[in-house]
Amino acid sequence: MEWVPCARVTADAVHFGVLVRNTGGRQELRLRLGYVRAEHPVPCDSPKDEVSVTAEAGTTAWFTLPGCAVARVHGAVQATARLAAKDGDLSAIALSPTLQIQPNGSVMPPASY
């Protein structure tokens, strides 16, 4: 299983989540999401501290939480994620590349190295 936190940009918002690629069998996972905006970490609101998701066998899926988004306004943003198998320990916090939302609403993608 491979996973990476990422941000999706729409016309009016930036949504935060995690992209999970499952090359094995069906997996029950636990997930915590958040984001960093202007250097301030913020947890995504959810009814519980973490949510359960299912990664189906042989699929790639995007997981997010309702409301895990911010308005598309000027600033730097990153997604944060922690993931674990159903009964495992949560991973360390992983960060997506930083997106720079410009004053005019355009997005500067992360620099490639």
PDB file of N, CA and C in Angstrom:
ATOM      1  N   MET A   1       0.841  -1.166   0.000  1.00  0.00           N
ATOM      2  CA  MET A   1       0.000   0.000   0.000  1.00  0.00           C
ATOM      3  C   MET A   1       0.892   1.236   0.000  1.00  0.00           C
ATOM      4  N   GLU A   2       0.540   2.178  -0.851  1.00  0.00           N
ATOM      5  CA  GLU A   2       1.228   3.466  -0.915  1.00  0.00           C
ATOM      6  C   GLU A   2       0.202   4.551  -0.634  1.00  0.00           C
ATOM      7  N   TRP A   3       0.611   5.602   0.039  1.00  0.00           N
ATOM      8  CA  TRP A   3      -0.312   6.714   0.299  1.00  0.00           C
ATOM      9  C   TRP A   3       0.449   8.012   0.385  1.00  0.00           C
ATOM     10  N   VAL A   4      -0.247   9.078   0.034  1.00  0.00           N
ATOM     11  CA  VAL A   4       0.364  10.401   0.072  1.00  0.00           C
ATOM     12  C   VAL A   4      -0.719  11.446   0.353  1.00  0.00           C
ATOM     13  N   PRO A   5      -0.446  12.357   1.307  1.00  0.00           N
ATOM     14  CA  PRO A   5      -1.384  13.452   1.524  1.00  0.00           C
ATOM     15  C   PRO A   5      -1.321  14.399   0.327  1.00  0.00           C
ATOM     16  N   CYS A   6      -2.462  14.956  -0.024  1.00  0.00           N
ATOM     17  CA  CYS A   6      -2.470  15.885  -1.145  1.00  0.00           C
ATOM     18  C   CYS A   6      -3.635  16.862  -1.025  1.00  0.00           C
ATOM     19  N   ALA A   7      -3.553  17.904  -1.826  1.00  0.00           N
ATOM     20  CA  ALA A   7      -4.588  18.937  -1.853  1.00  0.00           C
ATOM     21  C   ALA A   7      -5.166  18.986  -3.258  1.00  0.00           C
ATOM     22  N   ARG A   8      -6.479  19.150  -3.338  1.00  0.00           N
ATOM     23  CA  ARG A   8      -7.163  19.313  -4.623  1.00  0.00           C
ATOM     24  C   ARG A   8      -7.735  20.720  -4.656  1.00  0.00           C
ATOM     25  N   VAL A   9      -7.469  21.400  -5.743  1.00  0.00           N
ATOM     26  CA  VAL A   9      -7.914  22.781  -5.879  1.00  0.00           C
ATOM     27  C   VAL A   9      -9.130  22.824  -6.798  1.00  0.00           C
ATOM     28  N   THR A  10     -10.202  23.454  -6.323  1.00  0.00           N
ATOM     29  CA  THR A  10     -11.391  23.681  -7.144  1.00  0.00           C
ATOM     30  C   THR A  10     -11.511  25.180  -7.399  1.00  0.00           C
ATOM     31  N   ALA A  11     -12.561  25.582  -8.053  1.00  0.00           N
ATOM     32  CA  ALA A  11     -12.737  26.991  -8.400  1.00  0.00           C
ATOM     33  C   ALA A  11     -12.749  27.903  -7.181  1.00  0.00           C
ATOM     34  N   ASP A  12     -13.281  27.417  -6.046  1.00  0.00           N
ATOM     35  CA  ASP A  12     -13.412  28.294  -4.884  1.00  0.00           C
ATOM     36  C   ASP A  12     -12.803  27.759  -3.592  1.00  0.00           C
ATOM     37  N   ALA A  13     -12.196  26.554  -3.627  1.00  0.00           N
ATOM     38  CA  ALA A  13     -11.683  25.965  -2.383  1.00  0.00           C
ATOM     39  C   ALA A  13     -10.463  25.089  -2.642  1.00  0.00           C
ATOM     40  N   VAL A  14      -9.771  24.790  -1.556  1.00  0.00           N
ATOM     41  CA  VAL A  14      -8.696  23.798  -1.557  1.00  0.00           C
ATOM     42  C   VAL A  14      -9.139  22.706  -0.593  1.00  0.00           C
ATOM     43  N   HIS A  15      -9.236  21.465  -1.092  1.00  0.00           N
ATOM     44  CA  HIS A  15      -9.687  20.324  -0.307  1.00  0.00           C
ATOM     45  C   HIS A  15      -8.475  19.475   0.065  1.00  0.00           C
ATOM     46  N   PHE A  16      -8.452  18.975   1.298  1.00  0.00           N
ATOM     47  CA  PHE A  16      -7.309  18.206   1.788  1.00  0.00           C
ATOM     48  C   PHE A  16      -7.716  16.751   1.994  1.00  0.00           C
ATOM     49  N   GLY A  17      -6.804  15.848   1.658  1.00  0.00           N
ATOM     50  CA  GLY A  17      -7.093  14.434   1.819  1.00  0.00           C
ATOM     51  C   GLY A  17      -5.843  13.607   1.621  1.00  0.00           C
ATOM     52  N   VAL A  18      -6.082  12.332   1.371  1.00  0.00           N
ATOM     53  CA  VAL A  18      -4.974  11.409   1.152  1.00  0.00           C
ATOM     54  C   VAL A  18      -5.334  10.509  -0.028  1.00  0.00           C
ATOM     55  N   LEU A  19      -4.354  10.260  -0.883  1.00  0.00           N
ATOM     56  CA  LEU A  19      -4.511   9.364  -2.014  1.00  0.00           C
ATOM     57  C   LEU A  19      -3.877   8.037  -1.626  1.00  0.00           C
ATOM     58  N   VAL A  20      -4.664   6.968  -1.690  1.00  0.00           N
ATOM     59  CA  VAL A  20      -4.202   5.645  -1.278  1.00  0.00           C
ATOM     60  C   VAL A  20      -4.216   4.711  -2.482  1.00  0.00           C
ATOM     61  N   ARG A  21      -3.075   4.091  -2.743  1.00  0.00           N
ATOM     62  CA  ARG A  21      -2.955   3.096  -3.818  1.00  0.00           C
ATOM     63  C   ARG A  21      -2.763   1.742  -3.150  1.00  0.00           C
ATOM     64  N   ASN A  22      -3.742   0.867  -3.324  1.00  0.00           N
ATOM     65  CA  ASN A  22      -3.711  -0.445  -2.685  1.00  0.00           C
ATOM     66  C   ASN A  22      -3.481  -1.518  -3.731  1.00  0.00           C
ATOM     67  N   THR A  23      -2.281  -2.068  -3.769  1.00  0.00           N
ATOM     68  CA  THR A  23      -1.951  -3.120  -4.729  1.00  0.00           C
ATOM     69  C   THR A  23      -2.189  -4.503  -4.144  1.00  0.00           C
ATOM     70  N   GLY A  24      -2.575  -4.568  -2.870  1.00  0.00           N
ATOM     71  CA  GLY A  24      -2.832  -5.847  -2.211  1.00  0.00           C
ATOM     72  C   GLY A  24      -4.317  -6.080  -2.003  1.00  0.00           C
ATOM     73  N   GLY A  25      -4.621  -6.800  -0.949  1.00  0.00           N
ATOM     74  CA  GLY A  25      -6.005  -7.110  -0.620  1.00  0.00           C
ATOM     75  C   GLY A  25      -6.702  -5.949   0.068  1.00  0.00           C
ATOM     76  N   ARG A  26      -8.002  -6.100   0.236  1.00  0.00           N
ATOM     77  CA  ARG A  26      -8.832  -5.075   0.888  1.00  0.00           C
ATOM     78  C   ARG A  26      -8.258  -4.737   2.265  1.00  0.00           C
ATOM     79  N   GLN A  27      -8.185  -3.446   2.586  1.00  0.00           N
ATOM     80  CA  GLN A  27      -7.609  -2.990   3.850  1.00  0.00           C
ATOM     81  C   GLN A  27      -8.563  -2.047   4.573  1.00  0.00           C
ATOM     82  N   GLU A  28      -8.761  -2.311   5.852  1.00  0.00           N
ATOM     83  CA  GLU A  28      -9.486  -1.387   6.726  1.00  0.00           C
ATOM     84  C   GLU A  28      -8.439  -0.479   7.351  1.00  0.00           C
ATOM     85  N   LEU A  29      -8.630   0.833   7.232  1.00  0.00           N
ATOM     86  CA  LEU A  29      -7.633   1.800   7.686  1.00  0.00           C
ATOM     87  C   LEU A  29      -8.246   2.812   8.640  1.00  0.00           C
ATOM     88  N   ARG A  30      -7.380   3.420   9.426  1.00  0.00           N
ATOM     89  CA  ARG A  30      -7.747   4.568  10.267  1.00  0.00           C
ATOM     90  C   ARG A  30      -6.994   5.773   9.727  1.00  0.00           C
ATOM     91  N   LEU A  31      -7.662   6.921   9.745  1.00  0.00           N
ATOM     92  CA  LEU A  31      -7.116   8.101   9.102  1.00  0.00           C
ATOM     93  C   LEU A  31      -7.369   9.344   9.940  1.00  0.00           C
ATOM     94  N   ARG A  32      -6.357  10.185  10.036  1.00  0.00           N
ATOM     95  CA  ARG A  32      -6.481  11.535  10.615  1.00  0.00           C
ATOM     96  C   ARG A  32      -6.004  12.515   9.567  1.00  0.00           C
ATOM     97  N   LEU A  33      -6.814  13.538   9.316  1.00  0.00           N
ATOM     98  CA  LEU A  33      -6.471  14.546   8.319  1.00  0.00           C
ATOM     99  C   LEU A  33      -6.398  15.930   8.936  1.00  0.00           C
ATOM    100  N   GLY A  34      -5.644  16.769   8.298  1.00  0.00           N
ATOM    101  CA  GLY A  34      -5.549  18.161   8.695  1.00  0.00           C
ATOM    102  C   GLY A  34      -4.896  18.939   7.575  1.00  0.00           C
ATOM    103  N   TYR A  35      -4.525  20.156   7.896  1.00  0.00           N
ATOM    104  CA  TYR A  35      -3.828  20.977   6.908  1.00  0.00           C
ATOM    105  C   TYR A  35      -3.006  22.026   7.636  1.00  0.00           C
ATOM    106  N   VAL A  36      -2.092  22.600   6.883  1.00  0.00           N
ATOM    107  CA  VAL A  36      -1.286  23.710   7.377  1.00  0.00           C
ATOM    108  C   VAL A  36      -1.595  24.883   6.463  1.00  0.00           C
ATOM    109  N   ARG A  37      -1.949  26.008   7.067  1.00  0.00           N
ATOM    110  CA  ARG A  37      -2.218  27.230   6.295  1.00  0.00           C
ATOM    111  C   ARG A  37      -1.430  28.354   6.940  1.00  0.00           C
ATOM    112  N   ALA A  38      -0.588  28.999   6.132  1.00  0.00           N
ATOM    113  CA  ALA A  38       0.249  30.085   6.633  1.00  0.00           C
ATOM    114  C   ALA A  38       1.009  29.658   7.889  1.00  0.00           C
ATOM    115  N   GLU A  39       1.568  28.459   7.845  1.00  0.00           N
ATOM    116  CA  GLU A  39       2.410  27.890   8.903  1.00  0.00           C
ATOM    117  C   GLU A  39       1.653  27.508  10.171  1.00  0.00           C
ATOM    118  N   HIS A  40       0.324  27.464  10.141  1.00  0.00           N
ATOM    119  CA  HIS A  40      -0.478  27.090  11.307  1.00  0.00           C
ATOM    120  C   HIS A  40      -1.195  25.762  11.050  1.00  0.00           C
ATOM    121  N   PRO A  41      -0.837  24.692  11.798  1.00  0.00           N
ATOM    122  CA  PRO A  41      -1.516  23.405  11.612  1.00  0.00           C
ATOM    123  C   PRO A  41      -2.946  23.451  12.157  1.00  0.00           C
ATOM    124  N   VAL A  42      -3.860  22.820  11.425  1.00  0.00           N
ATOM    125  CA  VAL A  42      -5.274  22.784  11.800  1.00  0.00           C
ATOM    126  C   VAL A  42      -5.796  21.365  11.565  1.00  0.00           C
ATOM    127  N   PRO A  43      -6.398  20.719  12.580  1.00  0.00           N
ATOM    128  CA  PRO A  43      -7.009  19.415  12.329  1.00  0.00           C
ATOM    129  C   PRO A  43      -8.322  19.587  11.581  1.00  0.00           C
ATOM    130  N   CYS A  44      -8.652  18.641  10.726  1.00  0.00           N
ATOM    131  CA  CYS A  44      -9.947  18.691  10.057  1.00  0.00           C
ATOM    132  C   CYS A  44     -11.010  18.257  11.054  1.00  0.00           C
ATOM    133  N   ASP A  45     -12.110  18.973  11.059  1.00  0.00           N
ATOM    134  CA  ASP A  45     -13.205  18.630  11.961  1.00  0.00           C
ATOM    135  C   ASP A  45     -13.815  17.303  11.548  1.00  0.00           C
ATOM    136  N   SER A  46     -14.005  16.439  12.502  1.00  0.00           N
ATOM    137  CA  SER A  46     -14.704  15.176  12.276  1.00  0.00           C
ATOM    138  C   SER A  46     -15.381  14.799  13.588  1.00  0.00           C
ATOM    139  N   PRO A  47     -16.399  13.951  13.526  1.00  0.00           N
ATOM    140  CA  PRO A  47     -17.081  13.563  14.756  1.00  0.00           C
ATOM    141  C   PRO A  47     -16.149  12.894  15.764  1.00  0.00           C
ATOM    142  N   LYS A  48     -15.118  12.231  15.266  1.00  0.00           N
ATOM    143  CA  LYS A  48     -14.137  11.581  16.127  1.00  0.00           C
ATOM    144  C   LYS A  48     -12.757  12.106  15.765  1.00  0.00           C
ATOM    145  N   ASP A  49     -11.786  11.756  16.578  1.00  0.00           N
ATOM    146  CA  ASP A  49     -10.412  12.165  16.335  1.00  0.00           C
ATOM    147  C   ASP A  49      -9.885  11.585  15.025  1.00  0.00           C
ATOM    148  N   GLU A  50     -10.393  10.424  14.644  1.00  0.00           N
ATOM    149  CA  GLU A  50      -9.964   9.768  13.416  1.00  0.00           C
ATOM    150  C   GLU A  50     -11.156   9.067  12.790  1.00  0.00           C
ATOM    151  N   VAL A  51     -11.047   8.721  11.522  1.00  0.00           N
ATOM    152  CA  VAL A  51     -12.127   8.047  10.817  1.00  0.00           C
ATOM    153  C   VAL A  51     -11.615   6.725  10.257  1.00  0.00           C
ATOM    154  N   SER A  52     -12.537   5.810  10.024  1.00  0.00           N
ATOM    155  CA  SER A  52     -12.221   4.526   9.398  1.00  0.00           C
ATOM    156  C   SER A  52     -12.586   4.605   7.922  1.00  0.00           C
ATOM    157  N   VAL A  53     -11.708   4.082   7.085  1.00  0.00           N
ATOM    158  CA  VAL A  53     -11.952   4.031   5.644  1.00  0.00           C
ATOM    159  C   VAL A  53     -11.543   2.645   5.149  1.00  0.00           C
ATOM    160  N   THR A  54     -12.046   2.269   3.991  1.00  0.00           N
ATOM    161  CA  THR A  54     -11.702   0.987   3.391  1.00  0.00           C
ATOM    162  C   THR A  54     -11.019   1.216   2.054  1.00  0.00           C
ATOM    163  N   ALA A  55      -9.829   0.665   1.897  1.00  0.00           N
ATOM    164  CA  ALA A  55      -9.108   0.699   0.629  1.00  0.00           C
ATOM    165  C   ALA A  55      -9.344  -0.643  -0.048  1.00  0.00           C
ATOM    166  N   GLU A  56     -10.135  -0.620  -1.104  1.00  0.00           N
ATOM    167  CA  GLU A  56     -10.455  -1.857  -1.812  1.00  0.00           C
ATOM    168  C   GLU A  56      -9.230  -2.393  -2.543  1.00  0.00           C
ATOM    169  N   ALA A  57      -9.183  -3.692  -2.735  1.00  0.00           N
ATOM    170  CA  ALA A  57      -8.053  -4.348  -3.396  1.00  0.00           C
ATOM    171  C   ALA A  57      -7.858  -3.811  -4.811  1.00  0.00           C
ATOM    172  N   GLY A  58      -6.609  -3.567  -5.169  1.00  0.00           N
ATOM    173  CA  GLY A  58      -6.259  -3.170  -6.522  1.00  0.00           C
ATOM    174  C   GLY A  58      -6.806  -1.832  -6.976  1.00  0.00           C
ATOM    175  N   THR A  59      -7.037  -0.913  -6.053  1.00  0.00           N
ATOM    176  CA  THR A  59      -7.608   0.388  -6.428  1.00  0.00           C
ATOM    177  C   THR A  59      -6.732   1.540  -5.937  1.00  0.00           C
ATOM    178  N   THR A  60      -6.998   2.694  -6.503  1.00  0.00           N
ATOM    179  CA  THR A  60      -6.442   3.949  -6.017  1.00  0.00           C
ATOM    180  C   THR A  60      -7.631   4.813  -5.655  1.00  0.00           C
ATOM    181  N   ALA A  61      -7.642   5.339  -4.435  1.00  0.00           N
ATOM    182  CA  ALA A  61      -8.800   6.114  -3.971  1.00  0.00           C
ATOM    183  C   ALA A  61      -8.352   7.352  -3.224  1.00  0.00           C
ATOM    184  N   TRP A  62      -9.179   8.381  -3.309  1.00  0.00           N
ATOM    185  CA  TRP A  62      -8.988   9.642  -2.595  1.00  0.00           C
ATOM    186  C   TRP A  62      -9.904   9.612  -1.388  1.00  0.00           C
ATOM    187  N   PHE A  63      -9.357   9.861  -0.206  1.00  0.00           N
ATOM    188  CA  PHE A  63     -10.150   9.929   1.017  1.00  0.00           C
ATOM    189  C   PHE A  63     -10.015  11.319   1.615  1.00  0.00           C
ATOM    190  N   THR A  64     -11.134  11.869   2.041  1.00  0.00           N
ATOM    191  CA  THR A  64     -11.162  13.173   2.687  1.00  0.00           C
ATOM    192  C   THR A  64     -12.294  13.161   3.708  1.00  0.00           C
ATOM    193  N   LEU A  65     -12.482  14.259   4.376  1.00  0.00           N
ATOM    194  CA  LEU A  65     -13.570  14.409   5.340  1.00  0.00           C
ATOM    195  C   LEU A  65     -14.449  15.572   4.905  1.00  0.00           C
ATOM    196  N   PRO A  66     -15.743  15.508   5.169  1.00  0.00           N
ATOM    197  CA  PRO A  66     -16.584  16.673   4.873  1.00  0.00           C
ATOM    198  C   PRO A  66     -16.032  17.894   5.614  1.00  0.00           C
ATOM    199  N   GLY A  67     -15.931  18.978   4.920  1.00  0.00           N
ATOM    200  CA  GLY A  67     -15.436  20.202   5.540  1.00  0.00           C
ATOM    201  C   GLY A  67     -13.931  20.303   5.665  1.00  0.00           C
ATOM    202  N   CYS A  68     -13.201  19.345   5.134  1.00  0.00           N
ATOM    203  CA  CYS A  68     -11.736  19.392   5.214  1.00  0.00           C
ATOM    204  C   CYS A  68     -11.226  20.213   4.026  1.00  0.00           C
ATOM    205  N   ALA A  69     -11.548  21.508   4.082  1.00  0.00           N
ATOM    206  CA  ALA A  69     -11.217  22.413   2.985  1.00  0.00           C
ATOM    207  C   ALA A  69     -11.141  23.836   3.510  1.00  0.00           C
ATOM    208  N   VAL A  70     -10.505  24.686   2.726  1.00  0.00           N
ATOM    209  CA  VAL A  70     -10.454  26.115   3.025  1.00  0.00           C
ATOM    210  C   VAL A  70     -10.777  26.879   1.741  1.00  0.00           C
ATOM    211  N   ALA A  71     -11.184  28.121   1.904  1.00  0.00           N
ATOM    212  CA  ALA A  71     -11.443  28.974   0.747  1.00  0.00           C
ATOM    213  C   ALA A  71     -10.149  29.175  -0.040  1.00  0.00           C
ATOM    214  N   ARG A  72     -10.311  29.314  -1.323  1.00  0.00           N
ATOM    215  CA  ARG A  72      -9.155  29.525  -2.208  1.00  0.00           C
ATOM    216  C   ARG A  72      -8.762  30.999  -2.165  1.00  0.00           C
ATOM    217  N   VAL A  73      -8.054  31.347  -1.117  1.00  0.00           N
ATOM    218  CA  VAL A  73      -7.584  32.713  -0.945  1.00  0.00           C
ATOM    219  C   VAL A  73      -6.067  32.704  -0.776  1.00  0.00           C
ATOM    220  N   HIS A  74      -5.451  33.853  -0.930  1.00  0.00           N
ATOM    221  CA  HIS A  74      -4.000  33.993  -0.904  1.00  0.00           C
ATOM    222  C   HIS A  74      -3.373  33.335   0.328  1.00  0.00           C
ATOM    223  N   GLY A  75      -2.357  32.513   0.101  1.00  0.00           N
ATOM    224  CA  GLY A  75      -1.614  31.888   1.190  1.00  0.00           C
ATOM    225  C   GLY A  75      -1.013  30.564   0.768  1.00  0.00           C
ATOM    226  N   ALA A  76      -0.200  30.014   1.651  1.00  0.00           N
ATOM    227  CA  ALA A  76       0.426  28.719   1.423  1.00  0.00           C
ATOM    228  C   ALA A  76      -0.372  27.651   2.164  1.00  0.00           C
ATOM    229  N   VAL A  77      -0.591  26.499   1.519  1.00  0.00           N
ATOM    230  CA  VAL A  77      -1.351  25.416   2.143  1.00  0.00           C
ATOM    231  C   VAL A  77      -0.675  24.073   1.897  1.00  0.00           C
ATOM    232  N   GLN A  78      -0.859  23.164   2.864  1.00  0.00           N
ATOM    233  CA  GLN A  78      -0.379  21.790   2.765  1.00  0.00           C
ATOM    234  C   GLN A  78      -1.388  20.888   3.444  1.00  0.00           C
ATOM    235  N   ALA A  79      -1.579  19.686   2.906  1.00  0.00           N
ATOM    236  CA  ALA A  79      -2.380  18.668   3.582  1.00  0.00           C
ATOM    237  C   ALA A  79      -1.496  17.923   4.570  1.00  0.00           C
ATOM    238  N   THR A  80      -2.082  17.458   5.678  1.00  0.00           N
ATOM    239  CA  THR A  80      -1.384  16.586   6.617  1.00  0.00           C
ATOM    240  C   THR A  80      -2.212  15.322   6.782  1.00  0.00           C
ATOM    241  N   ALA A  81      -1.536  14.201   6.977  1.00  0.00           N
ATOM    242  CA  ALA A  81      -2.253  12.940   7.149  1.00  0.00           C
ATOM    243  C   ALA A  81      -1.466  11.993   8.032  1.00  0.00           C
ATOM    244  N   ARG A  82      -2.207  11.193   8.775  1.00  0.00           N
ATOM    245  CA  ARG A  82      -1.666  10.063   9.532  1.00  0.00           C
ATOM    246  C   ARG A  82      -2.556   8.880   9.183  1.00  0.00           C
ATOM    247  N   LEU A  83      -1.954   7.729   8.926  1.00  0.00           N
ATOM    248  CA  LEU A  83      -2.688   6.564   8.467  1.00  0.00           C
ATOM    249  C   LEU A  83      -2.208   5.333   9.214  1.00  0.00           C
ATOM    250  N   ALA A  84      -3.116   4.375   9.408  1.00  0.00           N
ATOM    251  CA  ALA A  84      -2.747   3.122  10.078  1.00  0.00           C
ATOM    252  C   ALA A  84      -3.670   2.015   9.618  1.00  0.00           C
ATOM    253  N   ALA A  85      -3.171   0.792   9.714  1.00  0.00           N
ATOM    254  CA  ALA A  85      -4.047  -0.366   9.547  1.00  0.00           C
ATOM    255  C   ALA A  85      -5.064  -0.327  10.684  1.00  0.00           C
ATOM    256  N   LYS A  86      -6.168  -1.031  10.529  1.00  0.00           N
ATOM    257  CA  LYS A  86      -7.268  -0.982  11.499  1.00  0.00           C
ATOM    258  C   LYS A  86      -6.793  -1.098  12.947  1.00  0.00           C
ATOM    259  N   ASP A  87      -5.893  -2.024  13.229  1.00  0.00           N
ATOM    260  CA  ASP A  87      -5.421  -2.235  14.599  1.00  0.00           C
ATOM    261  C   ASP A  87      -3.979  -1.778  14.819  1.00  0.00           C
ATOM    262  N   GLY A  88      -3.413  -1.060  13.849  1.00  0.00           N
ATOM    263  CA  GLY A  88      -2.014  -0.652  13.954  1.00  0.00           C
ATOM    264  C   GLY A  88      -1.845   0.737  14.546  1.00  0.00           C
ATOM    265  N   ASP A  89      -0.591   1.094  14.737  1.00  0.00           N
ATOM    266  CA  ASP A  89      -0.250   2.427  15.227  1.00  0.00           C
ATOM    267  C   ASP A  89      -0.289   3.425  14.074  1.00  0.00           C
ATOM    268  N   LEU A  90      -0.771   4.624  14.349  1.00  0.00           N
ATOM    269  CA  LEU A  90      -0.787   5.670  13.332  1.00  0.00           C
ATOM    270  C   LEU A  90       0.633   6.036  12.919  1.00  0.00           C
ATOM    271  N   SER A  91       0.793   6.345  11.649  1.00  0.00           N
ATOM    272  CA  SER A  91       2.090   6.781  11.132  1.00  0.00           C
ATOM    273  C   SER A  91       2.441   8.155  11.699  1.00  0.00           C
ATOM    274  N   ALA A  92       3.654   8.550  11.458  1.00  0.00           N
ATOM    275  CA  ALA A  92       4.042   9.930  11.742  1.00  0.00           C
ATOM    276  C   ALA A  92       3.259  10.834  10.789  1.00  0.00           C
ATOM    277  N   ILE A  93       3.169  12.104  11.114  1.00  0.00           N
ATOM    278  CA  ILE A  93       2.466  13.047  10.241  1.00  0.00           C
ATOM    279  C   ILE A  93       3.240  13.203   8.937  1.00  0.00           C
ATOM    280  N   ALA A  94       2.528  13.042   7.827  1.00  0.00           N
ATOM    281  CA  ALA A  94       3.112  13.265   6.507  1.00  0.00           C
ATOM    282  C   ALA A  94       2.487  14.528   5.928  1.00  0.00           C
ATOM    283  N   LEU A  95       3.283  15.295   5.208  1.00  0.00           N
ATOM    284  CA  LEU A  95       2.840  16.559   4.616  1.00  0.00           C
ATOM    285  C   LEU A  95       2.853  16.473   3.101  1.00  0.00           C
ATOM    286  N   SER A  96       1.870  17.102   2.482  1.00  0.00           N
ATOM    287  CA  SER A  96       1.877  17.222   1.025  1.00  0.00           C
ATOM    288  C   SER A  96       2.849  18.323   0.629  1.00  0.00           C
ATOM    289  N   PRO A  97       3.200  18.383  -0.639  1.00  0.00           N
ATOM    290  CA  PRO A  97       3.954  19.556  -1.093  1.00  0.00           C
ATOM    291  C   PRO A  97       3.130  20.826  -0.842  1.00  0.00           C
ATOM    292  N   THR A  98       3.799  21.946  -0.691  1.00  0.00           N
ATOM    293  CA  THR A  98       3.122  23.216  -0.430  1.00  0.00           C
ATOM    294  C   THR A  98       2.599  23.827  -1.723  1.00  0.00           C
ATOM    295  N   LEU A  99       1.341  24.241  -1.693  1.00  0.00           N
ATOM    296  CA  LEU A  99       0.749  25.004  -2.795  1.00  0.00           C
ATOM    297  C   LEU A  99       0.707  26.462  -2.390  1.00  0.00           C
ATOM    298  N   GLN A 100       1.047  27.331  -3.305  1.00  0.00           N
ATOM    299  CA  GLN A 100       1.014  28.773  -3.049  1.00  0.00           C
ATOM    300  C   GLN A 100      -0.175  29.362  -3.812  1.00  0.00           C
ATOM    301  N   ILE A 101      -1.195  29.787  -3.078  1.00  0.00           N
ATOM    302  CA  ILE A 101      -2.345  30.436  -3.692  1.00  0.00           C
ATOM    303  C   ILE A 101      -2.002  31.921  -3.831  1.00  0.00           C
ATOM    304  N   GLN A 102      -2.012  32.399  -5.039  1.00  0.00           N
ATOM    305  CA  GLN A 102      -1.622  33.776  -5.331  1.00  0.00           C
ATOM    306  C   GLN A 102      -2.779  34.746  -5.048  1.00  0.00           C
ATOM    307  N   PRO A 103      -2.486  36.039  -4.887  1.00  0.00           N
ATOM    308  CA  PRO A 103      -3.542  37.023  -4.616  1.00  0.00           C
ATOM    309  C   PRO A 103      -4.669  37.014  -5.654  1.00  0.00           C
ATOM    310  N   ASN A 104      -4.345  36.671  -6.905  1.00  0.00           N
ATOM    311  CA  ASN A 104      -5.374  36.645  -7.944  1.00  0.00           C
ATOM    312  C   ASN A 104      -6.117  35.303  -7.999  1.00  0.00           C
ATOM    313  N   GLY A 105      -5.802  34.367  -7.072  1.00  0.00           N
ATOM    314  CA  GLY A 105      -6.464  33.067  -7.015  1.00  0.00           C
ATOM    315  C   GLY A 105      -5.777  31.968  -7.795  1.00  0.00           C
ATOM    316  N   SER A 106      -4.784  32.321  -8.599  1.00  0.00           N
ATOM    317  CA  SER A 106      -4.058  31.284  -9.313  1.00  0.00           C
ATOM    318  C   SER A 106      -3.213  30.478  -8.338  1.00  0.00           C
ATOM    319  N   VAL A 107      -2.785  29.314  -8.754  1.00  0.00           N
ATOM    320  CA  VAL A 107      -2.037  28.401  -7.882  1.00  0.00           C
ATOM    321  C   VAL A 107      -0.651  28.154  -8.452  1.00  0.00           C
ATOM    322  N   MET A 108       0.354  28.396  -7.612  1.00  0.00           N
ATOM    323  CA  MET A 108       1.720  28.044  -7.983  1.00  0.00           C
ATOM    324  C   MET A 108       1.951  26.630  -7.480  1.00  0.00           C
ATOM    325  N   PRO A 109       2.163  25.674  -8.385  1.00  0.00           N
ATOM    326  CA  PRO A 109       2.388  24.298  -7.931  1.00  0.00           C
ATOM    327  C   PRO A 109       3.727  24.189  -7.211  1.00  0.00           C
ATOM    328  N   PRO A 110       3.902  23.080  -6.493  1.00  0.00           N
ATOM    329  CA  PRO A 110       5.204  22.881  -5.812  1.00  0.00           C
ATOM    330  C   PRO A 110       6.329  22.852  -6.826  1.00  0.00           C
ATOM    331  N   ALA A 111       7.482  23.318  -6.421  1.00  0.00           N
ATOM    332  CA  ALA A 111       8.653  23.283  -7.285  1.00  0.00           C
ATOM    333  C   ALA A 111       9.083  21.840  -7.492  1.00  0.00           C
ATOM    334  N   SER A 112       9.449  21.487  -8.716  1.00  0.00           N
ATOM    335  CA  SER A 112       9.966  20.148  -8.960  1.00  0.00           C
ATOM    336  C   SER A 112      11.481  20.180  -8.843  1.00  0.00           C
ATOM    337  N   TYR A 113      11.999  19.118  -8.335  1.00  0.00           N
ATOM    338  CA  TYR A 113      13.443  19.041  -8.109  1.00  0.00           C
ATOM    339  C   TYR A 113      14.084  18.079  -9.050  1.00  0.00           C
TER     340      TYR A 113
END
